[in-house]
Structure formats: C-alpha cells, structure tokens
Protein backbone atom coordinates (compact mmCIF):
# COMPACT_ATOMS: atom_id res chain seq x y z
CA MET A 1 -21.37 -16.21 9.90
CA ARG A 2 -18.84 -14.74 7.15
CA PHE A 3 -16.59 -17.05 5.29
CA GLY A 4 -13.14 -16.26 4.34
CA ILE A 5 -10.36 -17.93 3.13
CA GLU A 6 -6.34 -17.22 3.47
CA PHE A 7 -3.56 -17.30 0.57
CA VAL A 8 -0.21 -17.53 1.43
CA PRO A 9 1.19 -16.06 -2.29
CA ASP A 10 3.97 -18.94 -2.09
CA GLU A 11 2.64 -20.45 -5.32
CA PRO A 12 2.51 -18.29 -8.70
CA VAL A 13 -0.07 -15.50 -8.69
CA ASN A 14 -1.95 -17.29 -11.65
CA GLN A 15 -2.27 -20.10 -9.02
CA ILE A 16 -3.71 -17.88 -6.58
CA VAL A 17 -5.94 -16.07 -8.90
CA ASN A 18 -7.27 -19.44 -10.57
CA TRP A 19 -8.08 -20.57 -6.64
CA SER A 20 -9.43 -17.17 -5.59
CA LYS A 21 -11.83 -17.67 -8.60
CA ILE A 22 -13.11 -20.96 -7.32
CA ALA A 23 -13.49 -19.50 -3.59
CA GLU A 24 -15.52 -16.54 -4.85
CA SER A 25 -17.28 -19.13 -7.27
CA VAL A 26 -18.59 -21.62 -4.49
CA GLY A 27 -19.41 -18.55 -2.02
CA PHE A 28 -16.78 -17.52 0.14
CA ASP A 29 -17.22 -14.06 1.75
CA ASN A 30 -13.49 -12.78 2.02
CA ILE A 31 -10.41 -13.73 0.52
CA TRP A 32 -7.00 -12.91 2.67
CA ILE A 33 -3.62 -12.58 1.33
CA THR A 34 -0.59 -12.86 3.56
CA ASP A 35 2.06 -10.47 3.81
CA HIS A 36 5.58 -12.05 4.09
CA PHE A 37 8.52 -10.08 2.21
CA ASN A 38 10.13 -13.62 0.97
CA ASN A 39 6.60 -14.59 -0.73
CA ARG A 40 5.18 -12.90 -3.87
CA ASN A 41 4.40 -9.25 -3.09
CA LEU A 42 0.85 -8.98 -1.46
CA TRP A 43 -0.39 -6.10 -3.28
CA VAL A 44 0.62 -7.59 -6.68
CA THR A 45 -1.06 -10.48 -5.76
CA LEU A 46 -4.13 -8.46 -4.76
CA THR A 47 -4.23 -6.67 -7.89
CA ALA A 48 -4.32 -9.64 -9.77
CA ILE A 49 -6.97 -11.09 -7.65
CA ALA A 50 -9.13 -7.84 -8.24
CA LEU A 51 -9.15 -7.95 -12.25
CA ASN A 52 -10.19 -11.68 -11.93
CA THR A 53 -13.24 -11.71 -9.43
CA SER A 54 -16.46 -9.69 -9.22
CA LYS A 55 -18.06 -10.14 -5.95
CA VAL A 56 -15.76 -11.32 -2.89
CA THR A 57 -14.19 -8.86 -1.07
CA ILE A 58 -10.04 -8.74 -0.86
CA GLY A 59 -7.51 -7.38 1.13
CA PRO A 60 -4.37 -8.21 3.45
CA GLY A 61 -4.71 -10.53 5.97
CA VAL A 62 -2.64 -9.27 7.58
CA THR A 63 -0.10 -6.76 6.70
CA ASN A 64 2.06 -4.60 9.36
CA PRO A 65 3.27 -1.13 9.93
CA PHE A 66 6.52 -2.11 10.99
CA HIS A 67 8.09 -3.10 7.29
CA THR A 68 5.41 -0.85 5.33
CA SER A 69 4.10 2.71 6.05
CA PRO A 70 0.71 2.90 7.16
CA ALA A 71 0.56 5.91 4.36
CA LEU A 72 1.63 3.33 1.68
CA SER A 73 -0.69 0.57 2.53
CA ALA A 74 -3.55 3.11 2.79
CA ALA A 75 -2.45 4.52 -0.56
CA ALA A 76 -2.73 0.61 -1.77
CA ILE A 77 -6.08 -0.49 -0.38
CA VAL A 78 -7.82 2.83 -1.45
CA THR A 79 -6.66 2.10 -5.05
CA ILE A 80 -7.62 -1.80 -4.67
CA ASP A 81 -10.84 -0.75 -3.92
CA GLU A 82 -11.28 1.86 -6.51
CA LEU A 83 -10.35 -1.08 -9.09
CA THR A 84 -12.89 -3.76 -7.40
CA GLU A 85 -15.82 -1.11 -7.10
CA GLY A 86 -15.50 -1.07 -3.20
CA ARG A 87 -14.90 -4.99 -2.48
CA THR A 88 -11.74 -4.29 0.04
CA ALA A 89 -10.98 -4.79 4.17
CA VAL A 90 -7.45 -4.29 5.54
CA GLY A 91 -5.84 -6.14 8.07
CA LEU A 92 -2.91 -4.63 10.14
CA GLY A 93 -0.92 -6.66 12.77
CA ALA A 94 2.40 -6.66 14.50
CA GLY A 95 3.95 -8.87 11.99
CA ASP A 96 6.58 -11.52 13.08
CA ARG A 97 9.54 -10.71 15.31
CA MET A 98 11.93 -12.87 13.76
CA THR A 99 11.18 -12.41 10.38
CA LEU A 100 11.51 -8.53 10.71
CA GLU A 101 14.74 -8.91 13.05
CA THR A 102 16.11 -10.29 9.67
CA LEU A 103 15.49 -7.40 7.61
CA GLY A 104 17.13 -5.15 10.57
CA ILE A 105 13.89 -3.66 11.66
CA GLN A 106 13.20 -3.51 15.56
CA TRP A 107 10.12 -4.83 16.82
CA ASN A 108 9.42 -2.43 19.52
CA LEU A 109 6.17 -1.36 20.91
CA PRO A 110 3.92 -3.70 19.03
CA VAL A 111 0.78 -2.97 20.42
CA THR A 112 1.38 0.91 20.33
CA THR A 113 2.56 0.54 16.81
CA VAL A 114 -0.45 -1.21 15.33
CA ILE A 115 -2.95 1.18 17.28
CA GLU A 116 -1.60 4.26 15.81
CA GLY A 117 -1.03 2.43 12.56
CA ILE A 118 -5.35 1.84 12.34
CA GLN A 119 -5.78 5.09 13.49
CA ILE A 120 -3.53 6.65 10.58
CA LEU A 121 -4.94 4.47 8.06
CA ARG A 122 -8.77 5.49 8.95
CA LYS A 123 -7.64 9.12 8.54
CA LEU A 124 -6.21 8.86 5.47
CA ILE A 125 -8.88 6.30 3.84
CA ASN A 126 -11.41 8.66 4.98
CA GLY A 127 -9.46 11.46 2.60
CA GLU A 128 -8.03 13.54 5.78
CA ARG A 129 -5.27 15.55 5.81
CA VAL A 130 -3.41 13.69 8.32
CA ARG A 131 -1.24 15.20 11.35
CA PHE A 132 -0.74 12.71 13.90
CA HIS A 133 2.23 13.07 16.51
CA GLY A 134 2.50 9.64 18.22
CA ARG A 135 5.03 7.44 20.11
CA VAL A 136 5.84 5.30 16.92
CA PHE A 137 4.66 7.55 13.99
CA ASP A 138 4.55 11.40 13.03
CA ILE A 139 2.82 12.42 10.20
CA ARG A 140 3.00 15.81 9.09
CA GLY A 141 0.23 16.95 6.59
CA ALA A 142 -0.05 13.81 4.79
CA LYS A 143 -3.19 13.15 2.41
CA LEU A 144 -3.97 10.61 -0.25
CA SER A 145 -4.87 12.51 -3.42
CA HIS A 146 -7.26 9.75 -5.13
CA VAL A 147 -9.81 9.27 -2.55
CA LYS A 148 -13.19 9.44 -3.84
CA LYS A 149 -15.20 11.27 -1.21
CA GLU A 150 -19.27 10.46 -0.70
CA HIS A 151 -22.17 10.98 1.61
CA GLN A 152 -21.83 8.46 4.90
CA VAL A 153 -24.99 6.71 5.80
CA ASP A 154 -26.08 4.63 8.68
CA LYS A 155 -27.18 0.89 8.39
CA ASP A 156 -30.64 2.61 7.76
CA GLY A 157 -29.27 4.24 4.64
CA LYS A 158 -29.63 7.57 6.43
CA ARG A 159 -27.10 10.28 5.72
CA ILE A 160 -25.05 10.83 8.80
CA LEU A 161 -24.69 14.33 10.32
CA LYS A 162 -21.90 15.38 12.74
CA ASP A 163 -22.02 19.18 14.30
CA GLY A 164 -25.37 19.47 12.38
CA LYS A 165 -23.22 19.02 8.96
CA GLU A 166 -23.62 16.11 6.71
CA VAL A 167 -20.54 13.87 7.04
CA ILE A 168 -18.62 13.39 3.65
CA SER A 169 -15.36 11.37 3.41
CA GLY A 170 -13.75 8.30 1.67
CA ARG A 171 -15.78 4.85 1.74
CA ARG A 172 -15.33 3.40 5.33
CA ILE A 173 -13.28 0.50 4.18
CA PRO A 174 -13.31 -1.99 6.87
CA ILE A 175 -9.82 -2.39 9.28
CA TYR A 176 -9.30 -5.65 10.98
CA ALA A 177 -6.85 -5.94 13.64
CA GLY A 178 -4.50 -8.95 13.36
CA ALA A 179 -4.38 -9.73 17.27
CA GLN A 180 -3.37 -12.40 19.70
CA GLY A 181 -2.07 -11.47 22.86
CA PRO A 182 -3.76 -10.03 25.70
CA MET A 183 -3.05 -6.43 25.60
CA MET A 184 -3.27 -6.32 21.51
CA LEU A 185 -7.07 -8.11 21.70
CA LYS A 186 -8.18 -5.43 24.57
CA LYS A 187 -6.82 -2.36 22.59
CA THR A 188 -7.57 -2.93 19.15
CA ALA A 189 -11.32 -3.95 20.15
CA THR A 190 -11.53 0.03 20.87
CA LEU A 191 -11.37 1.11 17.52
CA ALA A 192 -11.09 -1.88 15.00
CA ASP A 193 -13.87 -2.79 12.67
CA GLY A 194 -13.06 -6.67 12.97
CA ILE A 195 -10.30 -8.81 14.76
CA LEU A 196 -8.54 -11.81 13.09
CA THR A 197 -7.09 -13.83 15.82
CA ASN A 198 -5.23 -17.34 15.23
CA ALA A 199 -7.62 -19.96 16.97
CA SER A 200 -8.79 -23.58 15.66
CA HIS A 201 -10.15 -24.43 18.87
CA PRO A 202 -13.21 -22.90 20.90
CA LYS A 203 -10.92 -22.82 24.15
CA ASP A 204 -8.75 -20.38 22.50
CA ILE A 205 -11.88 -18.00 21.14
CA GLU A 206 -13.10 -18.11 24.47
CA ILE A 207 -10.18 -16.62 26.07
CA ALA A 208 -9.97 -14.45 23.26
CA MET A 209 -13.56 -13.29 23.47
CA LYS A 210 -13.30 -12.57 26.95
CA LEU A 211 -10.13 -9.76 25.88
CA ILE A 212 -12.28 -8.44 23.42
CA LYS A 213 -15.05 -7.74 25.31
CA GLU A 214 -12.92 -6.26 28.27
CA GLY A 215 -11.81 -3.60 25.40
CA VAL A 216 -15.26 -2.98 24.04
CA ASN A 217 -16.93 -2.23 27.54
CA GLN A 218 -14.14 0.12 28.22
CA SER A 219 -14.58 2.13 25.19
CA GLY A 220 -18.33 2.17 25.49
CA ARG A 221 -18.93 0.08 21.84
CA ASP A 222 -20.99 -2.71 21.09
CA ILE A 223 -19.62 -6.23 20.93
CA LYS A 224 -21.90 -6.43 17.82
CA ASP A 225 -20.13 -3.66 16.04
CA LEU A 226 -17.31 -5.94 15.64
CA ASP A 227 -16.87 -8.82 13.30
CA ILE A 228 -14.90 -11.46 15.16
CA GLY A 229 -12.68 -13.89 13.13
CA ALA A 230 -11.14 -16.87 13.79
CA TYR A 231 -7.85 -17.41 11.50
CA THR A 232 -7.52 -21.34 11.67
CA ALA A 233 -5.41 -23.86 10.53
CA PHE A 234 -7.99 -26.07 8.37
CA SER A 235 -7.95 -29.19 6.29
CA ILE A 236 -10.75 -31.16 4.95
CA ALA A 237 -11.11 -34.52 2.97
CA ASP A 238 -13.29 -37.21 3.06
CA SER A 239 -11.92 -38.90 5.91
CA TYR A 240 -9.17 -37.98 9.08
CA GLN A 241 -6.47 -39.80 7.32
CA ASP A 242 -6.91 -38.03 4.08
CA ALA A 243 -7.15 -34.37 5.70
CA LEU A 244 -3.75 -35.34 7.83
CA LYS A 245 -1.86 -35.47 4.27
CA GLY A 246 0.07 -32.84 2.64
CA ASP A 247 1.01 -30.14 5.30
CA THR A 248 -0.97 -30.59 7.58
CA LYS A 249 1.23 -31.74 10.22
CA MET A 250 4.14 -29.15 9.22
CA VAL A 251 1.71 -26.53 10.00
CA VAL A 252 0.67 -27.97 13.22
CA ALA A 253 4.29 -28.02 13.93
CA PHE A 254 5.00 -24.71 13.63
CA ILE A 255 2.25 -23.87 15.79
CA VAL A 256 3.08 -26.20 18.49
CA ALA A 257 6.63 -24.39 18.14
CA GLY A 258 5.40 -20.85 18.60
CA SER A 259 3.10 -21.75 21.33
CA PRO A 260 3.55 -20.26 25.02
CA SER A 261 3.34 -22.63 27.81
CA SER A 262 0.18 -21.21 29.16
CA VAL A 263 -1.60 -22.40 25.77
CA LEU A 264 -0.08 -26.03 25.44
CA GLU A 265 -1.07 -25.93 29.27
CA ARG A 266 -4.81 -24.87 28.03
CA HIS A 267 -4.53 -27.85 26.03
CA SER A 268 -3.48 -30.81 28.24
CA LEU A 269 -0.58 -31.29 25.98
CA ASN A 270 2.59 -33.03 26.97
CA PHE A 271 5.71 -30.35 27.23
CA GLU A 272 8.29 -33.18 26.41
CA GLN A 273 6.55 -34.18 23.05
CA CYS A 274 5.72 -30.27 22.22
CA ASP A 275 9.93 -29.91 22.81
CA ALA A 276 10.45 -32.79 20.95
CA VAL A 277 8.63 -31.08 17.92
CA LYS A 278 10.58 -27.67 18.49
CA ASN A 279 13.76 -29.50 18.53
CA ALA A 280 13.03 -31.44 15.28
CA LEU A 281 11.91 -27.84 13.51
CA SER A 282 15.09 -25.95 15.00
CA GLU A 283 17.26 -28.87 13.53
CA LYS A 284 15.55 -29.30 10.11
CA ARG A 285 14.52 -32.89 10.98
CA TYR A 286 11.41 -32.58 8.87
CA GLY A 287 10.79 -36.16 8.22
CA ASP A 288 10.73 -37.20 12.22
CA LEU A 289 7.37 -34.68 12.19
CA ASP A 290 5.06 -37.31 11.16
CA SER A 291 5.58 -39.46 14.20
CA LEU A 292 6.10 -36.88 16.78
CA ILE A 293 2.81 -34.47 15.60
CA THR A 294 0.00 -36.11 18.10
CA ASP A 295 -3.53 -36.14 17.62
CA GLU A 296 -4.07 -34.24 20.72
CA MET A 297 -1.68 -31.37 18.98
CA ILE A 298 -3.39 -31.65 15.92
CA ASP A 299 -6.80 -31.44 17.97
CA ALA A 300 -5.76 -28.47 19.76
CA PHE A 301 -4.08 -26.12 16.83
CA ALA A 302 -6.13 -27.15 13.73
CA ILE A 303 -9.73 -28.15 12.57
CA VAL A 304 -8.85 -31.63 10.70
CA GLY A 305 -11.61 -33.91 9.33
CA ASP A 306 -14.80 -34.80 7.26
CA LYS A 307 -17.12 -32.63 6.36
CA GLU A 308 -19.21 -33.54 9.78
CA PHE A 309 -16.28 -32.94 11.92
CA CYS A 310 -15.54 -29.93 10.31
CA ILE A 311 -19.26 -28.32 10.54
CA ASN A 312 -19.52 -29.31 14.14
CA ARG A 313 -16.16 -27.80 14.89
CA ILE A 314 -17.60 -24.36 13.14
CA HIS A 315 -20.68 -24.61 15.23
CA GLU A 316 -18.57 -24.74 18.37
CA MET A 317 -16.68 -21.69 17.23
CA GLU A 318 -19.69 -19.68 16.23
CA ASP A 319 -21.19 -20.41 19.80
CA VAL A 320 -18.33 -18.85 21.46
CA GLY A 321 -18.56 -15.61 19.79
CA VAL A 322 -16.86 -16.18 15.97
CA THR A 323 -18.52 -14.34 13.07
CA HIS A 324 -16.19 -14.74 10.52
CA PHE A 325 -14.65 -18.21 9.90
CA ILE A 326 -11.36 -18.15 7.85
CA VAL A 327 -10.23 -20.96 6.65
CA GLY A 328 -6.26 -21.19 6.50
CA SER A 329 -3.30 -23.27 5.68
CA PRO A 330 -3.22 -26.25 4.36
CA ILE A 331 -6.77 -25.78 3.29
CA GLY A 332 -6.88 -29.34 2.36
CA PRO A 333 -4.45 -32.11 0.65
CA ASP A 334 -5.93 -30.79 -2.62
CA LYS A 335 -6.55 -27.21 -2.43
CA ARG A 336 -9.23 -26.96 -5.51
CA LYS A 337 -10.86 -30.20 -4.38
CA ALA A 338 -10.95 -28.83 -0.49
CA ILE A 339 -12.59 -25.50 -1.75
CA GLU A 340 -15.12 -26.62 -3.83
CA LYS A 341 -16.23 -28.97 -0.77
CA ILE A 342 -16.18 -26.35 1.81
CA GLY A 343 -18.35 -24.03 -0.80
CA LYS A 344 -20.69 -26.92 -1.64
CA GLU A 345 -21.22 -28.98 1.48
CA ILE A 346 -20.44 -26.57 4.37
CA ILE A 347 -21.18 -23.14 3.67
CA PRO A 348 -24.69 -23.59 2.75
CA ILE A 349 -25.22 -25.16 6.04
CA PHE A 350 -24.75 -21.85 7.63
CA ARG A 351 -26.43 -20.01 5.13
CA GLU A 352 -29.74 -21.67 5.55
CA ARG A 353 -29.69 -21.82 9.20
CA ASP A 354 -33.08 -20.06 10.86
CA TYR A 355 -31.22 -17.49 13.32
CA SER A 356 -34.95 -16.49 14.56
C-alpha cells in the first residue's frame, strides 16, 4: 500500500512546502497538488516542493487538458522530473465543468479529451516527435527538447527490446487518470499507469473496481499493472468529535451536493436531507451546515475519526482493491498534527504487515 497526501494550494506556498516536508519525513510516498486556476499555481508550488524535498514522489493530482495543453503539462512534468532526479508522477483528469465554464472553456468530450491527453503526454515524455490527429487534439510534429533519454529496463532490470532493438526513451513518468464516471474509469484503465478516484467508502471503490477491471480485461492488461488510488476526504484526531472540527462538514457538504442520486441511494441517504444541504450551499447559509450534515453523510463521503477507526477503514479499502491511499482535505483540524499522527501511527501498520 502506497500512502499519498493531497494539498490544495489555497494557503501560501511556504506553508504547503512545510507540510510537504513533514509528510516526507513521516513516510508518505506521494504528494499530490490540486490544480485550480483560482489557487496558487500548480507548477510553481510543485517547484518549491521539489527544491525542499529529497525522497517523496510529487506531481499534479490532477491537472486537466482543457485549460492546460498536454504539451505544456508534459514540458512541466519533465522539468520537475529533472529537478527532482526522477521523483515525479502526473495525474490527468477532466477538470470541473462549472469552473471551466467560468473561463469560457467548453467541457466537451471529457473522456476522449483525457484519453487523447494521456496518449500525447506519454509520447512527449518519451521524447518522441508527436504527430497526433484525434477528435480533440491536432499535434503536428511537437517534440520536447529537454527529455533525457535512457535505456528502458523491465521490472527485473533487463533492457527492453522492441523489434530486436533496445528501447531508448525518456524516463517513464507514471501517468495517473483522475477518473470518476463509468466510461472514464473503463477507458482510462486501458492505458494509464494508475487511477485516482474520489472515494472514501469501500462501497464506492467496489463499484469503481468493477469498471476498472472491465477496461483492463478489454485491453488484455493485468490489473496488477495499475496503481489504484482512493482520493479520500479524511480527518483524523484523538476522537470522532475532535476530527469533526474545522472544515470537515464543509468538505462533506460539497461532496453531498455534487453526488448523483444513484450514489446517495447507494449509501441509503435521505434525499430530503441532502437537498437541504444543497440549498444551504447555494444560498451560502454555511452556518446551517453544522446541523444539516448527518453522521450517515460523513460515513459515506469521508473518513473521520480516531486512529483505530481510520486504520480499520483503510483496511476495508485495501481489501476491495485500493493500492494507493490518498489522504485528502481536510486531513485534520490541525494539519501538522494530523500529518504526523498518520505517519507515526498509521503508515507503519501497513508497512509492517506480513503479506506472505
């Protein structure tokens, strides 16, 4: 099990860097930075983290090919990879429709856009000259000038051959797909190195895994070749009530408001109560959320509680197929303490397990 952590750069970059340094020191494998135009810039934030860490893998979790060309994302991640000497991964998803529309960007063909974006990213990262004529993108001989090519080796360290020749290309930077809907999950499972799906409950992961396996089986891949990441809403403290403090209910409220009726029904949530949450958010009655968010909503859409509860829920997620557990906002009422608590009291439990 890999452990990742998500930071939203809505705080000063120096603060994100400080949290990242703590996360690295206590054993997190990945640091994922979200990409929203109204927050601090993704690539500036990642550069600062790169210069202040030495072991942890970093990357966008996730950017999107609507407001940033795959070519620009490829150039940026290869640059960060050079800066970190090989400590990067890149996540690509469809972005948020409402946010993109405020920029005048049409959210058309999201699945095709992400699939083509991943294909273009991979080719450019490999150092290829790309000629790509798709439904969305038309790339006419683009190539990155700063890709450092090297002999590619398999998992056993043997050099990979293609048509009898050794394969020489840029370092294989893992590409993750941010995937939520059925078609996105199935299609991206055919070519991504990993999947990042927003889910904090085993029920949702079970549904996602069925769709991912369909895609994997159609393409002839092995499910073991994919890193299955659960992007969770997470808050840990010494007790459930303490973990509820801070932004936890606000985070859950937005998840409730954005969830389709099929998901609400899956978790047996009361539709009238969920509508009340949606109305409070739309009318900016944030003070009402404390009484409107129920324990059932919290259990469905977040992992909130003490160490024992969090460990048990992570085990449940692992049992249904998660291989990369990502601690997402709000993390805890005190982020620093929460990061240290996860690193010292939870991650070692999974590092020391006997999988024989």
